[in-house]
Amino acid sequence: MVEKDDDALNGMSEICLFVGFSAPTILSWIRTMGFPAKQMKRGCSWVASKRAIRAWRARTGN
């Protein structure tokens, strides 16, 4: 049995749900404000860490 990492967010929908903002907002933040998410390959899914997002939000106030 594979356990899911509770810190990992897989896919833009999980990231949006966790942060409470839309995909266009998150993508804008990635480009302009250093939001901590990575795209696995161009055109593929996004991944992020809850811990990194919490730290980013504490630094930026978003």
C-alpha atoms as a PDB file:
ATOM      1  CA  MET A   1       0.000   0.000   0.000  1.00  0.00           C
ATOM      2  CA  VAL A   2       1.308   3.472  -0.940  1.00  0.00           C
ATOM      3  CA  GLU A   3       0.809   6.227   1.612  1.00  0.00           C
ATOM      4  CA  LYS A   4       0.104   9.745   0.389  1.00  0.00           C
ATOM      5  CA  ASP A   5       2.438  12.451   1.654  1.00  0.00           C
ATOM      6  CA  ASP A   6       0.164  14.765   3.684  1.00  0.00           C
ATOM      7  CA  ASP A   7       2.380  17.755   2.837  1.00  0.00           C
ATOM      8  CA  ALA A   8       2.176  17.243  -0.932  1.00  0.00           C
ATOM      9  CA  LEU A   9      -0.363  18.898  -3.202  1.00  0.00           C
ATOM     10  CA  ASN A  10      -0.665  17.232  -6.594  1.00  0.00           C
ATOM     11  CA  GLY A  11      -2.346  19.147  -9.370  1.00  0.00           C
ATOM     12  CA  MET A  12      -3.542  22.707  -9.692  1.00  0.00           C
ATOM     13  CA  SER A  13      -6.985  21.810  -8.321  1.00  0.00           C
ATOM     14  CA  GLU A  14      -5.483  20.624  -4.999  1.00  0.00           C
ATOM     15  CA  ILE A  15      -3.268  23.725  -4.819  1.00  0.00           C
ATOM     16  CA  CYS A  16      -6.252  26.017  -5.497  1.00  0.00           C
ATOM     17  CA  LEU A  17      -8.402  24.250  -2.926  1.00  0.00           C
ATOM     18  CA  PHE A  18      -5.672  24.519  -0.276  1.00  0.00           C
ATOM     19  CA  VAL A  19      -4.944  28.200  -0.962  1.00  0.00           C
ATOM     20  CA  GLY A  20      -8.512  29.282  -1.694  1.00  0.00           C
ATOM     21  CA  PHE A  21      -7.742  31.108  -4.946  1.00  0.00           C
ATOM     22  CA  SER A  22      -8.292  30.340  -8.630  1.00  0.00           C
ATOM     23  CA  ALA A  23      -5.763  28.801 -11.010  1.00  0.00           C
ATOM     24  CA  PRO A  24      -5.210  32.102 -12.895  1.00  0.00           C
ATOM     25  CA  THR A  25      -4.352  33.811  -9.586  1.00  0.00           C
ATOM     26  CA  ILE A  26      -1.973  31.025  -8.555  1.00  0.00           C
ATOM     27  CA  LEU A  27      -0.284  31.067 -11.977  1.00  0.00           C
ATOM     28  CA  SER A  28       0.128  34.838 -11.726  1.00  0.00           C
ATOM     29  CA  TRP A  29       1.671  34.475  -8.268  1.00  0.00           C
ATOM     30  CA  ILE A  30       4.065  31.811  -9.585  1.00  0.00           C
ATOM     31  CA  ARG A  31       5.246  34.190 -12.330  1.00  0.00           C
ATOM     32  CA  THR A  32       5.370  37.409 -10.344  1.00  0.00           C
ATOM     33  CA  MET A  33       5.653  36.630  -6.633  1.00  0.00           C
ATOM     34  CA  GLY A  34       7.606  33.398  -6.364  1.00  0.00           C
ATOM     35  CA  PHE A  35       4.683  31.202  -5.279  1.00  0.00           C
ATOM     36  CA  PRO A  36       6.245  27.809  -4.403  1.00  0.00           C
ATOM     37  CA  ALA A  37       4.809  25.432  -7.023  1.00  0.00           C
ATOM     38  CA  LYS A  38       6.531  23.530  -9.809  1.00  0.00           C
ATOM     39  CA  GLN A  39       5.260  22.127 -13.060  1.00  0.00           C
ATOM     40  CA  MET A  40       6.587  18.608 -13.600  1.00  0.00           C
ATOM     41  CA  LYS A  41       7.010  19.125 -17.369  1.00  0.00           C
ATOM     42  CA  ARG A  42       5.614  21.773 -19.663  1.00  0.00           C
ATOM     43  CA  GLY A  43       1.927  21.013 -20.072  1.00  0.00           C
ATOM     44  CA  CYS A  44       1.882  18.519 -17.191  1.00  0.00           C
ATOM     45  CA  SER A  45       0.597  18.686 -13.642  1.00  0.00           C
ATOM     46  CA  TRP A  46       1.716  21.028 -10.896  1.00  0.00           C
ATOM     47  CA  VAL A  47       3.065  20.044  -7.479  1.00  0.00           C
ATOM     48  CA  ALA A  48       3.507  22.046  -4.301  1.00  0.00           C
ATOM     49  CA  SER A  49       4.190  21.619  -0.603  1.00  0.00           C
ATOM     50  CA  LYS A  50       1.736  22.803   2.046  1.00  0.00           C
ATOM     51  CA  ARG A  51       4.667  23.703   4.278  1.00  0.00           C
ATOM     52  CA  ALA A  52       6.303  25.835   1.565  1.00  0.00           C
ATOM     53  CA  ILE A  53       3.002  27.568   0.786  1.00  0.00           C
ATOM     54  CA  ARG A  54       2.431  28.397   4.466  1.00  0.00           C
ATOM     55  CA  ALA A  55       5.930  29.879   4.703  1.00  0.00           C
ATOM     56  CA  TRP A  56       5.406  31.874   1.472  1.00  0.00           C
ATOM     57  CA  ARG A  57       2.074  33.219   2.746  1.00  0.00           C
ATOM     58  CA  ALA A  58       3.674  34.263   6.051  1.00  0.00           C
ATOM     59  CA  ARG A  59       6.384  36.163   4.133  1.00  0.00           C
ATOM     60  CA  THR A  60       4.097  37.817   1.583  1.00  0.00           C
ATOM     61  CA  GLY A  61       0.855  38.246   3.518  1.00  0.00           C
ATOM     62  CA  ASN A  62      -1.173  36.481   0.792  1.00  0.00           C
END
